[in-house]
PDB file of N, CA and C in Angstrom:
ATOM      1  N   MET A   1      64.730  37.725 114.408  1.00  0.00           N
ATOM      2  CA  MET A   1      63.383  37.313 114.066  1.00  0.00           C
ATOM      3  C   MET A   1      63.379  36.690 112.661  1.00  0.00           C
ATOM      4  N   LYS A   2      62.721  35.582 112.518  1.00  0.00           N
ATOM      5  CA  LYS A   2      62.649  34.873 111.245  1.00  0.00           C
ATOM      6  C   LYS A   2      61.622  35.531 110.322  1.00  0.00           C
ATOM      7  N   GLU A   3      62.004  35.696 109.015  1.00  0.00           N
ATOM      8  CA  GLU A   3      61.070  36.265 108.038  1.00  0.00           C
ATOM      9  C   GLU A   3      59.928  35.308 107.779  1.00  0.00           C
ATOM     10  N   ASP A   4      58.747  35.862 107.582  1.00  0.00           N
ATOM     11  CA  ASP A   4      57.575  35.060 107.246  1.00  0.00           C
ATOM     12  C   ASP A   4      57.538  34.886 105.735  1.00  0.00           C
ATOM     13  N   SER A   5      57.834  33.692 105.236  1.00  0.00           N
ATOM     14  CA  SER A   5      57.917  33.455 103.797  1.00  0.00           C
ATOM     15  C   SER A   5      56.551  33.489 103.113  1.00  0.00           C
ATOM     16  N   ARG A   6      55.479  33.572 103.895  1.00  0.00           N
ATOM     17  CA  ARG A   6      54.145  33.623 103.296  1.00  0.00           C
ATOM     18  C   ARG A   6      53.781  35.023 102.833  1.00  0.00           C
ATOM     19  N   GLN A   7      54.505  36.047 103.297  1.00  0.00           N
ATOM     20  CA  GLN A   7      54.223  37.408 102.869  1.00  0.00           C
ATOM     21  C   GLN A   7      54.722  37.596 101.445  1.00  0.00           C
ATOM     22  N   THR A   8      53.947  38.327 100.661  1.00  0.00           N
ATOM     23  CA  THR A   8      54.333  38.560  99.273  1.00  0.00           C
ATOM     24  C   THR A   8      54.579  40.044  99.028  1.00  0.00           C
ATOM     25  N   VAL A   9      55.336  40.309  97.957  1.00  0.00           N
ATOM     26  CA  VAL A   9      55.701  41.661  97.571  1.00  0.00           C
ATOM     27  C   VAL A   9      55.329  41.843  96.106  1.00  0.00           C
ATOM     28  N   LEU A  10      54.687  42.958  95.788  1.00  0.00           N
ATOM     29  CA  LEU A  10      54.364  43.292  94.403  1.00  0.00           C
ATOM     30  C   LEU A  10      55.649  43.698  93.699  1.00  0.00           C
ATOM     31  N   ILE A  11      55.962  43.020  92.576  1.00  0.00           N
ATOM     32  CA  ILE A  11      57.198  43.335  91.852  1.00  0.00           C
ATOM     33  C   ILE A  11      56.945  43.932  90.478  1.00  0.00           C
ATOM     34  N   TYR A  12      55.734  43.776  89.952  1.00  0.00           N
ATOM     35  CA  TYR A  12      55.459  44.311  88.613  1.00  0.00           C
ATOM     36  C   TYR A  12      53.963  44.468  88.399  1.00  0.00           C
ATOM     37  N   THR A  13      53.596  45.560  87.754  1.00  0.00           N
ATOM     38  CA  THR A  13      52.237  45.773  87.274  1.00  0.00           C
ATOM     39  C   THR A  13      52.351  46.270  85.848  1.00  0.00           C
ATOM     40  N   GLY A  14      51.701  45.593  84.915  1.00  0.00           N
ATOM     41  CA  GLY A  14      51.763  46.004  83.519  1.00  0.00           C
ATOM     42  C   GLY A  14      51.210  44.943  82.602  1.00  0.00           C
ATOM     43  N   THR A  15      51.685  44.955  81.368  1.00  0.00           N
ATOM     44  CA  THR A  15      51.140  44.058  80.349  1.00  0.00           C
ATOM     45  C   THR A  15      51.529  42.606  80.588  1.00  0.00           C
ATOM     46  N   SER A  16      50.675  41.720  80.116  1.00  0.00           N
ATOM     47  CA  SER A  16      50.934  40.290  80.316  1.00  0.00           C
ATOM     48  C   SER A  16      52.153  39.823  79.530  1.00  0.00           C
ATOM     49  N   LEU A  17      52.437  40.426  78.395  1.00  0.00           N
ATOM     50  CA  LEU A  17      53.586  40.029  77.584  1.00  0.00           C
ATOM     51  C   LEU A  17      54.889  40.253  78.358  1.00  0.00           C
ATOM     52  N   ILE A  18      55.031  41.418  78.951  1.00  0.00           N
ATOM     53  CA  ILE A  18      56.240  41.703  79.729  1.00  0.00           C
ATOM     54  C   ILE A  18      56.257  40.857  80.994  1.00  0.00           C
ATOM     55  N   ALA A  19      55.112  40.668  81.609  1.00  0.00           N
ATOM     56  CA  ALA A  19      55.032  39.843  82.810  1.00  0.00           C
ATOM     57  C   ALA A  19      55.493  38.415  82.524  1.00  0.00           C
ATOM     58  N   LYS A  20      55.106  37.865  81.386  1.00  0.00           N
ATOM     59  CA  LYS A  20      55.510  36.493  81.041  1.00  0.00           C
ATOM     60  C   LYS A  20      57.029  36.381  80.908  1.00  0.00           C
ATOM     61  N   GLY A  21      57.657  37.405  80.320  1.00  0.00           N
ATOM     62  CA  GLY A  21      59.117  37.413  80.214  1.00  0.00           C
ATOM     63  C   GLY A  21      59.783  37.464  81.575  1.00  0.00           C
ATOM     64  N   LEU A  22      59.225  38.265  82.461  1.00  0.00           N
ATOM     65  CA  LEU A  22      59.774  38.374  83.812  1.00  0.00           C
ATOM     66  C   LEU A  22      59.585  37.065  84.576  1.00  0.00           C
ATOM     67  N   VAL A  23      58.433  36.442  84.417  1.00  0.00           N
ATOM     68  CA  VAL A  23      58.189  35.140  85.057  1.00  0.00           C
ATOM     69  C   VAL A  23      59.230  34.128  84.571  1.00  0.00           C
ATOM     70  N   TYR A  24      59.496  34.115  83.276  1.00  0.00           N
ATOM     71  CA  TYR A  24      60.480  33.195  82.705  1.00  0.00           C
ATOM     72  C   TYR A  24      61.855  33.405  83.341  1.00  0.00           C
ATOM     73  N   ARG A  25      62.277  34.672  83.433  1.00  0.00           N
ATOM     74  CA  ARG A  25      63.588  34.983  84.014  1.00  0.00           C
ATOM     75  C   ARG A  25      63.658  34.549  85.479  1.00  0.00           C
ATOM     76  N   LEU A  26      62.603  34.789  86.218  1.00  0.00           N
ATOM     77  CA  LEU A  26      62.598  34.409  87.625  1.00  0.00           C
ATOM     78  C   LEU A  26      62.548  32.890  87.790  1.00  0.00           C
ATOM     79  N   ASN A  27      61.819  32.218  86.912  1.00  0.00           N
ATOM     80  CA  ASN A  27      61.777  30.751  86.957  1.00  0.00           C
ATOM     81  C   ASN A  27      63.173  30.160  86.754  1.00  0.00           C
ATOM     82  N   GLU A  28      63.998  30.821  85.945  1.00  0.00           N
ATOM     83  CA  GLU A  28      65.358  30.333  85.695  1.00  0.00           C
ATOM     84  C   GLU A  28      66.205  30.291  86.967  1.00  0.00           C
ATOM     85  N   ILE A  29      65.878  31.143  87.952  1.00  0.00           N
ATOM     86  CA  ILE A  29      66.644  31.126  89.207  1.00  0.00           C
ATOM     87  C   ILE A  29      65.846  30.474  90.342  1.00  0.00           C
ATOM     88  N   GLY A  30      64.786  29.754  89.977  1.00  0.00           N
ATOM     89  CA  GLY A  30      64.035  28.981  90.956  1.00  0.00           C
ATOM     90  C   GLY A  30      62.951  29.733  91.705  1.00  0.00           C
ATOM     91  N   ILE A  31      62.533  30.885  91.186  1.00  0.00           N
ATOM     92  CA  ILE A  31      61.469  31.662  91.823  1.00  0.00           C
ATOM     93  C   ILE A  31      60.219  31.581  90.958  1.00  0.00           C
ATOM     94  N   THR A  32      59.093  31.250  91.586  1.00  0.00           N
ATOM     95  CA  THR A  32      57.818  31.148  90.873  1.00  0.00           C
ATOM     96  C   THR A  32      56.897  32.270  91.342  1.00  0.00           C
ATOM     97  N   PRO A  33      56.771  33.333  90.533  1.00  0.00           N
ATOM     98  CA  PRO A  33      55.898  34.437  90.923  1.00  0.00           C
ATOM     99  C   PRO A  33      54.421  34.050  90.925  1.00  0.00           C
ATOM    100  N   ILE A  34      53.648  34.805  91.690  1.00  0.00           N
ATOM    101  CA  ILE A  34      52.194  34.669  91.706  1.00  0.00           C
ATOM    102  C   ILE A  34      51.653  35.725  90.757  1.00  0.00           C
ATOM    103  N   GLU A  35      50.846  35.300  89.798  1.00  0.00           N
ATOM    104  CA  GLU A  35      50.290  36.221  88.806  1.00  0.00           C
ATOM    105  C   GLU A  35      48.831  36.508  89.123  1.00  0.00           C
ATOM    106  N   LYS A  36      48.488  37.774  89.209  1.00  0.00           N
ATOM    107  CA  LYS A  36      47.106  38.202  89.420  1.00  0.00           C
ATOM    108  C   LYS A  36      46.664  38.951  88.167  1.00  0.00           C
ATOM    109  N   ASN A  37      45.647  38.427  87.521  1.00  0.00           N
ATOM    110  CA  ASN A  37      45.092  39.058  86.333  1.00  0.00           C
ATOM    111  C   ASN A  37      43.614  39.282  86.608  1.00  0.00           C
ATOM    112  N   ASP A  38      43.266  40.499  87.035  1.00  0.00           N
ATOM    113  CA  ASP A  38      41.896  40.792  87.436  1.00  0.00           C
ATOM    114  C   ASP A  38      40.904  40.651  86.290  1.00  0.00           C
ATOM    115  N   MET A  39      41.319  40.966  85.063  1.00  0.00           N
ATOM    116  CA  MET A  39      40.415  40.870  83.924  1.00  0.00           C
ATOM    117  C   MET A  39      40.022  39.413  83.676  1.00  0.00           C
ATOM    118  N   VAL A  40      40.987  38.518  83.687  1.00  0.00           N
ATOM    119  CA  VAL A  40      40.695  37.099  83.477  1.00  0.00           C
ATOM    120  C   VAL A  40      39.812  36.581  84.605  1.00  0.00           C
ATOM    121  N   SER A  41      40.126  36.967  85.833  1.00  0.00           N
ATOM    122  CA  SER A  41      39.313  36.530  86.978  1.00  0.00           C
ATOM    123  C   SER A  41      37.886  37.050  86.864  1.00  0.00           C
ATOM    124  N   ALA A  42      37.740  38.307  86.448  1.00  0.00           N
ATOM    125  CA  ALA A  42      36.409  38.905  86.307  1.00  0.00           C
ATOM    126  C   ALA A  42      35.611  38.208  85.213  1.00  0.00           C
ATOM    127  N   LEU A  43      36.255  37.910  84.106  1.00  0.00           N
ATOM    128  CA  LEU A  43      35.562  37.233  83.001  1.00  0.00           C
ATOM    129  C   LEU A  43      35.118  35.830  83.410  1.00  0.00           C
ATOM    130  N   ARG A  44      35.963  35.131  84.144  1.00  0.00           N
ATOM    131  CA  ARG A  44      35.602  33.788  84.609  1.00  0.00           C
ATOM    132  C   ARG A  44      34.432  33.826  85.584  1.00  0.00           C
ATOM    133  N   SER A  45      34.313  34.937  86.306  1.00  0.00           N
ATOM    134  CA  SER A  45      33.229  35.086  87.278  1.00  0.00           C
ATOM    135  C   SER A  45      31.972  35.685  86.664  1.00  0.00           C
ATOM    136  N   GLY A  46      32.058  36.119  85.407  1.00  0.00           N
ATOM    137  CA  GLY A  46      30.897  36.703  84.745  1.00  0.00           C
ATOM    138  C   GLY A  46      30.802  38.211  84.873  1.00  0.00           C
ATOM    139  N   PHE A  47      31.879  38.837  85.323  1.00  0.00           N
ATOM    140  CA  PHE A  47      31.917  40.289  85.441  1.00  0.00           C
ATOM    141  C   PHE A  47      32.864  40.846  84.394  1.00  0.00           C
ATOM    142  N   ALA A  48      32.659  42.076  84.007  1.00  0.00           N
ATOM    143  CA  ALA A  48      33.527  42.696  83.000  1.00  0.00           C
ATOM    144  C   ALA A  48      34.203  43.927  83.589  1.00  0.00           C
ATOM    145  N   ILE A  49      34.908  43.747  84.690  1.00  0.00           N
ATOM    146  CA  ILE A  49      35.632  44.857  85.281  1.00  0.00           C
ATOM    147  C   ILE A  49      37.123  44.607  85.156  1.00  0.00           C
ATOM    148  N   GLY A  50      37.911  45.617  85.447  1.00  0.00           N
ATOM    149  CA  GLY A  50      39.362  45.468  85.392  1.00  0.00           C
ATOM    150  C   GLY A  50      39.913  46.038  84.107  1.00  0.00           C
ATOM    151  N   LEU A  51      41.220  46.155  84.054  1.00  0.00           N
ATOM    152  CA  LEU A  51      41.889  46.671  82.875  1.00  0.00           C
ATOM    153  C   LEU A  51      42.323  45.512  81.997  1.00  0.00           C
ATOM    154  N   ASN A  52      42.044  45.628  80.723  1.00  0.00           N
ATOM    155  CA  ASN A  52      42.439  44.593  79.785  1.00  0.00           C
ATOM    156  C   ASN A  52      43.959  44.495  79.732  1.00  0.00           C
ATOM    157  N   ASP A  53      44.480  43.283  79.793  1.00  0.00           N
ATOM    158  CA  ASP A  53      45.907  42.994  79.703  1.00  0.00           C
ATOM    159  C   ASP A  53      46.719  43.628  80.828  1.00  0.00           C
ATOM    160  N   GLN A  54      46.146  43.762  81.993  1.00  0.00           N
ATOM    161  CA  GLN A  54      46.845  44.319  83.151  1.00  0.00           C
ATOM    162  C   GLN A  54      47.117  43.196  84.150  1.00  0.00           C
ATOM    163  N   VAL A  55      48.387  42.936  84.413  1.00  0.00           N
ATOM    164  CA  VAL A  55      48.806  41.830  85.268  1.00  0.00           C
ATOM    165  C   VAL A  55      49.635  42.383  86.421  1.00  0.00           C
ATOM    166  N   ARG A  56      49.490  41.754  87.581  1.00  0.00           N
ATOM    167  CA  ARG A  56      50.337  42.068  88.732  1.00  0.00           C
ATOM    168  C   ARG A  56      51.104  40.809  89.095  1.00  0.00           C
ATOM    169  N   LEU A  57      52.401  40.957  89.344  1.00  0.00           N
ATOM    170  CA  LEU A  57      53.235  39.830  89.758  1.00  0.00           C
ATOM    171  C   LEU A  57      53.720  40.051  91.182  1.00  0.00           C
ATOM    172  N   PHE A  58      53.664  38.981  91.956  1.00  0.00           N
ATOM    173  CA  PHE A  58      54.115  38.999  93.340  1.00  0.00           C
ATOM    174  C   PHE A  58      55.121  37.872  93.541  1.00  0.00           C
ATOM    175  N   ILE A  59      56.057  38.080  94.461  1.00  0.00           N
ATOM    176  CA  ILE A  59      56.938  37.003  94.901  1.00  0.00           C
ATOM    177  C   ILE A  59      56.950  37.014  96.417  1.00  0.00           C
ATOM    178  N   ARG A  60      57.457  35.932  97.002  1.00  0.00           N
ATOM    179  CA  ARG A  60      57.569  35.870  98.461  1.00  0.00           C
ATOM    180  C   ARG A  60      58.599  36.884  98.942  1.00  0.00           C
ATOM    181  N   GLN A  61      58.339  37.455 100.071  1.00  0.00           N
ATOM    182  CA  GLN A  61      59.233  38.451 100.671  1.00  0.00           C
ATOM    183  C   GLN A  61      60.656  37.927 100.796  1.00  0.00           C
ATOM    184  N   ASP A  62      60.798  36.661 101.190  1.00  0.00           N
ATOM    185  CA  ASP A  62      62.133  36.101 101.398  1.00  0.00           C
ATOM    186  C   ASP A  62      62.897  35.838 100.100  1.00  0.00           C
ATOM    187  N   GLU A  63      62.250  35.990  98.938  1.00  0.00           N
ATOM    188  CA  GLU A  63      62.916  35.809  97.644  1.00  0.00           C
ATOM    189  C   GLU A  63      63.346  37.139  97.016  1.00  0.00           C
ATOM    190  N   LEU A  64      62.949  38.243  97.602  1.00  0.00           N
ATOM    191  CA  LEU A  64      63.172  39.551  96.993  1.00  0.00           C
ATOM    192  C   LEU A  64      64.647  39.872  96.785  1.00  0.00           C
ATOM    193  N   ASN A  65      65.488  39.612  97.754  1.00  0.00           N
ATOM    194  CA  ASN A  65      66.915  39.910  97.593  1.00  0.00           C
ATOM    195  C   ASN A  65      67.521  39.169  96.408  1.00  0.00           C
ATOM    196  N   ARG A  66      67.153  37.923  96.244  1.00  0.00           N
ATOM    197  CA  ARG A  66      67.669  37.109  95.140  1.00  0.00           C
ATOM    198  C   ARG A  66      67.132  37.572  93.789  1.00  0.00           C
ATOM    199  N   ALA A  67      65.913  38.089  93.779  1.00  0.00           N
ATOM    200  CA  ALA A  67      65.247  38.448  92.534  1.00  0.00           C
ATOM    201  C   ALA A  67      65.498  39.883  92.084  1.00  0.00           C
ATOM    202  N   GLN A  68      65.896  40.756  92.989  1.00  0.00           N
ATOM    203  CA  GLN A  68      65.953  42.194  92.708  1.00  0.00           C
ATOM    204  C   GLN A  68      66.766  42.541  91.461  1.00  0.00           C
ATOM    205  N   ASN A  69      67.975  41.998  91.329  1.00  0.00           N
ATOM    206  CA  ASN A  69      68.806  42.315  90.154  1.00  0.00           C
ATOM    207  C   ASN A  69      68.176  41.824  88.865  1.00  0.00           C
ATOM    208  N   ILE A  70      67.581  40.639  88.887  1.00  0.00           N
ATOM    209  CA  ILE A  70      66.919  40.089  87.701  1.00  0.00           C
ATOM    210  C   ILE A  70      65.770  40.994  87.282  1.00  0.00           C
ATOM    211  N   ILE A  71      64.963  41.422  88.234  1.00  0.00           N
ATOM    212  CA  ILE A  71      63.806  42.279  87.954  1.00  0.00           C
ATOM    213  C   ILE A  71      64.269  43.596  87.331  1.00  0.00           C
ATOM    214  N   GLU A  72      65.225  44.250  87.981  1.00  0.00           N
ATOM    215  CA  GLU A  72      65.717  45.541  87.490  1.00  0.00           C
ATOM    216  C   GLU A  72      66.315  45.415  86.093  1.00  0.00           C
ATOM    217  N   GLN A  73      67.141  44.407  85.885  1.00  0.00           N
ATOM    218  CA  GLN A  73      67.799  44.205  84.590  1.00  0.00           C
ATOM    219  C   GLN A  73      66.771  43.943  83.493  1.00  0.00           C
ATOM    220  N   TYR A  74      65.813  43.083  83.757  1.00  0.00           N
ATOM    221  CA  TYR A  74      64.797  42.756  82.749  1.00  0.00           C
ATOM    222  C   TYR A  74      63.954  43.980  82.393  1.00  0.00           C
ATOM    223  N   LEU A  75      63.476  44.699  83.400  1.00  0.00           N
ATOM    224  CA  LEU A  75      62.630  45.864  83.128  1.00  0.00           C
ATOM    225  C   LEU A  75      63.399  46.947  82.375  1.00  0.00           C
ATOM    226  N   GLU A  76      64.688  47.075  82.648  1.00  0.00           N
ATOM    227  CA  GLU A  76      65.519  48.025  81.899  1.00  0.00           C
ATOM    228  C   GLU A  76      65.649  47.578  80.445  1.00  0.00           C
ATOM    229  N   GLU A  77      65.862  46.283  80.225  1.00  0.00           N
ATOM    230  CA  GLU A  77      65.996  45.739  78.867  1.00  0.00           C
ATOM    231  C   GLU A  77      64.766  45.982  78.008  1.00  0.00           C
ATOM    232  N   VAL A  78      63.580  45.864  78.617  1.00  0.00           N
ATOM    233  CA  VAL A  78      62.355  46.008  77.851  1.00  0.00           C
ATOM    234  C   VAL A  78      61.811  47.442  77.866  1.00  0.00           C
ATOM    235  N   GLY A  79      62.545  48.346  78.526  1.00  0.00           N
ATOM    236  CA  GLY A  79      62.144  49.748  78.522  1.00  0.00           C
ATOM    237  C   GLY A  79      61.048  50.104  79.493  1.00  0.00           C
ATOM    238  N   GLU A  80      60.859  49.282  80.514  1.00  0.00           N
ATOM    239  CA  GLU A  80      59.866  49.551  81.560  1.00  0.00           C
ATOM    240  C   GLU A  80      60.597  50.152  82.742  1.00  0.00           C
ATOM    241  N   GLU A  81      59.916  51.000  83.456  1.00  0.00           N
ATOM    242  CA  GLU A  81      60.510  51.536  84.674  1.00  0.00           C
ATOM    243  C   GLU A  81      59.923  50.813  85.851  1.00  0.00           C
ATOM    244  N   GLU A  82      60.725  50.647  86.874  1.00  0.00           N
ATOM    245  CA  GLU A  82      60.279  49.933  88.060  1.00  0.00           C
ATOM    246  C   GLU A  82      59.354  50.789  88.869  1.00  0.00           C
TER     247      GLU A  82
END
């Protein structure tokens, strides 16, 4: 059965600073994560809900095997736990 590349997997939840570093590392290997920042979205919509500086990063399911070592290594370097 062929994997559905449209499915996404949550790979990180935390501060935007660490998320930006992880995005950079993944971009280096050709993976472009999807960033969800509920606070920014809420502010743009006129609502003030969500956690300040809380970001979620997602990648496509079919990219997870390629990205796993990069994610683990980066989070270990910055002192975050997966």
